[in-house]
Amino acid sequence: MGQPNPVAVLDKAVAILRAVAQEPATLADLVARTALPRATAHRLAVALEGHRLLRRTSAGTWAPGPALAELGHGSADLAQLAGRPLLALRDASGESAQFYVREGGTRVCVAAAERAHGLRDTVPVGARLPMTAGSAAHALLAFAPAEEVTPLLPGASFTARTLLDVRRRGWAHSVAEREPGVASLSAPVRDPGGAVLGAVSISGPVERLGRRPSPEVVGAVLEAASAIARAAS
């Protein structure tokens, strides 16, 4: 038996992606929309899900995954779009502001606006930080599929309940998770379809940012996230 034609496999994978572009699909829907054999449709859907090109909804159907949004908005484009909102956030909060994107098991700072004076938490552009600590990690994982989150939890400084709280309120807060004495506040940036493009964050000393962030600071972070989302849409 010969090897599968890679172009034909690619065509079938693209057909699967197109089949969920307008609305989520069950396996039966995928078969009906693509005319692929059931086993082939299932195998490709699972593979695409593994690459985050598809995701499972709460109803168990397949929908476009977050990696599609990440490919559509490259890190360089998102960094440029985040620039002005980060400056506004820094000025409104008085703290250093960052924008992170997820790359597998890490998060990468692709844009930052540093506090000009006084004690600050500096995260240089290009820094890679773990997905197991810090409020930006919470924000990036809160809307991710369970199969992506569950393997990270045993080594994480947070729990599944933490992520549920982020989903409910729309922002994340951490104290001394990534570094002693440092607090951070983050919010996910989501595209119109709900996929997470990245996370906007502020960080600084616990004594200044506080163990319970003020409504004004939370509002500033959420506004920055909304501004980046609007610019990216």
Protein backbone atom coordinates (compact mmCIF):
# COMPACT_ATOMS: atom_id res chain seq x y z
CA MET A 1 0.00 0.00 0.00
CA GLY A 2 1.44 3.40 -0.95
CA GLN A 3 1.94 6.33 1.36
CA PRO A 4 -0.94 8.82 1.68
CA ASN A 5 -0.69 11.76 -0.67
CA PRO A 6 0.26 14.70 1.61
CA VAL A 7 -1.54 17.20 -0.62
CA ALA A 8 -4.72 15.15 -0.46
CA VAL A 9 -4.44 14.97 3.34
CA LEU A 10 -3.96 18.73 3.47
CA ASP A 11 -7.02 19.25 1.27
CA LYS A 12 -9.09 17.13 3.64
CA ALA A 13 -7.80 19.04 6.68
CA VAL A 14 -8.71 22.33 5.03
CA ALA A 15 -12.15 20.94 4.28
CA ILE A 16 -12.58 20.20 8.00
CA LEU A 17 -11.53 23.75 8.91
CA ARG A 18 -13.95 25.23 6.39
CA ALA A 19 -16.73 23.02 7.72
CA VAL A 20 -16.57 24.66 11.16
CA ALA A 21 -15.94 28.21 9.92
CA GLN A 22 -19.57 29.33 10.13
CA GLU A 23 -20.83 27.27 13.05
CA PRO A 24 -19.59 24.48 15.35
CA ALA A 25 -19.93 20.92 14.10
CA THR A 26 -20.49 17.48 15.55
CA LEU A 27 -18.73 14.54 13.94
CA ALA A 28 -21.92 13.80 11.98
CA ASP A 29 -21.95 17.42 10.80
CA LEU A 30 -18.33 17.15 9.65
CA VAL A 31 -19.12 14.05 7.65
CA ALA A 32 -22.17 15.69 6.07
CA ARG A 33 -20.36 18.95 5.24
CA THR A 34 -17.16 17.41 3.87
CA ALA A 35 -18.34 14.05 2.45
CA LEU A 36 -15.34 12.47 4.16
CA PRO A 37 -15.55 9.00 5.69
CA ARG A 38 -16.43 9.14 9.37
CA ALA A 39 -13.11 7.67 10.52
CA THR A 40 -11.13 10.13 8.37
CA ALA A 41 -13.10 13.14 9.57
CA HIS A 42 -12.64 12.10 13.19
CA ARG A 43 -8.90 11.44 12.80
CA LEU A 44 -8.28 14.79 11.15
CA ALA A 45 -10.46 16.71 13.60
CA VAL A 46 -8.60 15.22 16.56
CA ALA A 47 -5.25 16.03 14.93
CA LEU A 48 -6.32 19.63 14.22
CA GLU A 49 -7.53 19.92 17.80
CA GLY A 50 -4.12 18.78 19.00
CA HIS A 51 -2.56 21.66 17.06
CA ARG A 52 -5.17 24.07 18.53
CA LEU A 53 -6.57 24.74 15.04
CA LEU A 54 -9.86 23.29 16.29
CA ARG A 55 -11.27 23.36 19.81
CA ARG A 56 -14.08 21.57 21.59
CA THR A 57 -16.99 23.67 22.77
CA SER A 58 -18.81 23.06 26.04
CA ALA A 59 -21.38 21.12 23.99
CA GLY A 60 -18.67 18.81 22.66
CA THR A 61 -18.77 20.15 19.11
CA TRP A 62 -15.71 21.31 17.15
CA ALA A 63 -15.16 25.01 16.46
CA PRO A 64 -12.27 27.11 15.11
CA GLY A 65 -9.36 26.96 17.53
CA PRO A 66 -7.23 29.73 19.05
CA ALA A 67 -4.23 28.95 16.84
CA LEU A 68 -6.19 30.17 13.80
CA ALA A 69 -6.59 33.57 15.41
CA GLU A 70 -2.93 33.60 16.39
CA LEU A 71 -1.91 32.85 12.82
CA GLY A 72 -4.25 35.52 11.50
CA HIS A 73 -2.76 38.09 13.86
CA GLY A 74 0.98 37.55 14.04
CA SER A 75 2.87 38.47 17.19
CA ALA A 76 4.49 41.45 15.47
CA ASP A 77 1.10 42.81 14.38
CA LEU A 78 -0.38 42.32 17.84
CA ALA A 79 2.65 43.98 19.45
CA GLN A 80 2.13 47.03 17.27
CA LEU A 81 -1.60 47.14 17.98
CA ALA A 82 -0.96 46.84 21.72
CA GLY A 83 1.48 49.74 21.88
CA ARG A 84 -0.89 52.66 22.43
CA PRO A 85 -3.30 50.85 24.80
CA LEU A 86 -0.32 49.74 26.92
CA LEU A 87 0.90 53.31 27.24
CA ALA A 88 -2.58 54.43 28.28
CA LEU A 89 -2.78 51.57 30.79
CA ARG A 90 0.62 52.41 32.27
CA ASP A 91 -0.37 56.04 32.69
CA ALA A 92 -3.79 55.18 34.16
CA SER A 93 -2.48 52.57 36.61
CA GLY A 94 0.99 53.92 37.35
CA GLU A 95 2.41 50.42 36.82
CA SER A 96 4.42 48.66 34.12
CA ALA A 97 2.16 47.17 31.45
CA GLN A 98 2.78 44.16 29.22
CA PHE A 99 1.11 42.21 26.45
CA TYR A 100 1.68 38.43 26.27
CA VAL A 101 0.91 35.81 23.67
CA ARG A 102 0.94 32.10 24.26
CA GLU A 103 3.45 29.85 22.54
CA GLY A 104 2.83 26.28 23.64
CA GLY A 105 3.82 25.89 27.28
CA THR A 106 5.19 29.42 27.60
CA ARG A 107 3.95 32.98 27.34
CA VAL A 108 6.01 35.58 25.52
CA CYS A 109 6.06 39.30 26.27
CA VAL A 110 5.71 40.90 22.83
CA ALA A 111 5.08 44.49 23.95
CA ALA A 112 5.63 46.50 27.12
CA ALA A 113 5.30 50.01 28.54
CA GLU A 114 7.57 50.47 31.53
CA ARG A 115 7.00 52.73 34.51
CA ALA A 116 9.45 55.60 34.12
CA HIS A 117 10.38 56.15 37.77
CA GLY A 118 10.42 54.35 41.07
CA LEU A 119 10.29 50.66 41.92
CA ARG A 120 8.94 48.65 39.01
CA ASP A 121 8.59 45.09 37.77
CA THR A 122 10.45 44.98 34.47
CA VAL A 123 9.57 42.29 31.93
CA PRO A 124 11.62 42.81 28.77
CA VAL A 125 10.08 42.32 25.35
CA GLY A 126 10.96 38.80 24.21
CA ALA A 127 10.95 37.34 27.73
CA ARG A 128 9.51 33.83 27.95
CA LEU A 129 7.66 33.01 31.14
CA PRO A 130 5.92 29.80 32.24
CA MET A 131 2.23 29.14 31.82
CA THR A 132 2.11 27.84 35.39
CA ALA A 133 2.33 31.10 37.35
CA GLY A 134 1.15 34.70 37.15
CA SER A 135 -2.12 36.36 36.30
CA ALA A 136 -1.28 36.56 32.58
CA ALA A 137 -1.06 32.76 32.54
CA HIS A 138 -4.49 32.63 34.20
CA ALA A 139 -5.93 34.92 31.53
CA LEU A 140 -4.39 32.96 28.66
CA LEU A 141 -5.59 29.59 30.00
CA ALA A 142 -9.02 30.48 31.37
CA PHE A 143 -10.78 29.95 28.04
CA ALA A 144 -8.54 27.14 26.76
CA PRO A 145 -9.85 23.57 26.32
CA ALA A 146 -9.59 21.35 29.37
CA GLU A 147 -7.16 19.00 27.63
CA GLU A 148 -4.68 21.88 27.33
CA VAL A 149 -5.14 23.08 30.89
CA THR A 150 -5.27 19.84 32.86
CA PRO A 151 -1.66 18.72 32.18
CA LEU A 152 -0.36 22.06 33.49
CA LEU A 153 -2.27 22.11 36.78
CA PRO A 154 -0.09 19.69 38.83
CA GLY A 155 2.87 22.06 38.51
CA ALA A 156 0.90 25.30 38.59
CA SER A 157 0.61 27.93 41.32
CA PHE A 158 -3.13 28.11 40.67
CA THR A 159 -6.06 25.70 40.42
CA ALA A 160 -8.89 24.96 38.05
CA ARG A 161 -11.12 27.01 40.36
CA THR A 162 -8.84 30.00 39.78
CA LEU A 163 -9.44 29.74 36.04
CA LEU A 164 -13.19 29.36 36.52
CA ASP A 165 -13.17 32.62 38.49
CA VAL A 166 -11.30 34.33 35.65
CA ARG A 167 -13.90 33.11 33.14
CA ARG A 168 -16.69 34.42 35.36
CA ARG A 169 -15.34 37.92 36.05
CA GLY A 170 -13.17 38.50 32.96
CA TRP A 171 -9.87 39.34 34.68
CA ALA A 172 -7.13 37.65 36.70
CA HIS A 173 -5.09 38.67 39.75
CA SER A 174 -2.07 37.04 41.37
CA VAL A 175 0.22 37.82 44.28
CA ALA A 176 3.78 36.48 44.51
CA GLU A 177 3.12 33.59 42.11
CA ARG A 178 5.91 34.35 39.67
CA GLU A 179 8.17 36.39 41.92
CA PRO A 180 8.08 37.18 45.66
CA GLY A 181 6.68 40.59 46.45
CA VAL A 182 5.20 41.12 42.98
CA ALA A 183 1.49 41.33 42.18
CA SER A 184 -0.10 41.40 38.75
CA LEU A 185 -3.49 41.97 37.16
CA SER A 186 -4.39 40.70 33.68
CA ALA A 187 -7.26 40.35 31.22
CA PRO A 188 -7.59 38.21 28.10
CA VAL A 189 -7.79 39.84 24.69
CA ARG A 190 -10.34 37.92 22.62
CA ASP A 191 -11.38 38.12 18.99
CA PRO A 192 -15.05 38.40 17.93
CA GLY A 193 -15.30 34.60 17.92
CA GLY A 194 -14.08 34.33 21.50
CA ALA A 195 -10.59 32.98 20.74
CA VAL A 196 -7.89 34.37 23.04
CA LEU A 197 -5.32 36.41 21.12
CA GLY A 198 -3.23 37.30 24.15
CA ALA A 199 -3.32 38.85 27.59
CA VAL A 200 -2.76 42.42 28.73
CA SER A 201 -1.17 42.78 32.16
CA ILE A 202 0.18 45.20 34.73
CA SER A 203 2.65 44.24 37.43
CA GLY A 204 4.33 45.90 40.36
CA PRO A 205 5.13 45.62 44.06
CA VAL A 206 2.37 44.11 46.20
CA GLU A 207 2.58 47.13 48.51
CA ARG A 208 1.55 49.42 45.67
CA LEU A 209 -0.70 47.29 43.47
CA GLY A 210 -2.40 45.70 46.46
CA ARG A 211 -3.70 42.27 47.34
CA ARG A 212 -7.18 43.37 46.25
CA PRO A 213 -7.02 45.51 43.10
CA SER A 214 -9.17 48.62 43.06
CA PRO A 215 -12.14 48.83 40.67
CA GLU A 216 -10.41 51.71 38.89
CA VAL A 217 -7.32 49.63 38.12
CA VAL A 218 -9.41 46.63 37.07
CA GLY A 219 -11.38 48.90 34.76
CA ALA A 220 -8.18 50.27 33.21
CA VAL A 221 -6.91 46.76 32.46
CA LEU A 222 -10.23 45.70 30.95
CA GLU A 223 -10.35 48.85 28.82
CA ALA A 224 -6.83 48.14 27.49
CA ALA A 225 -7.85 44.59 26.61
CA SER A 226 -10.95 45.89 24.81
CA ALA A 227 -8.91 48.51 22.93
CA ILE A 228 -6.47 45.89 21.62
CA ALA A 229 -9.34 43.58 20.68
CA ARG A 230 -11.05 46.38 18.75
CA ALA A 231 -7.83 47.23 16.93
CA ALA A 232 -7.27 43.58 15.99
CA SER A 233 -10.80 42.97 14.70
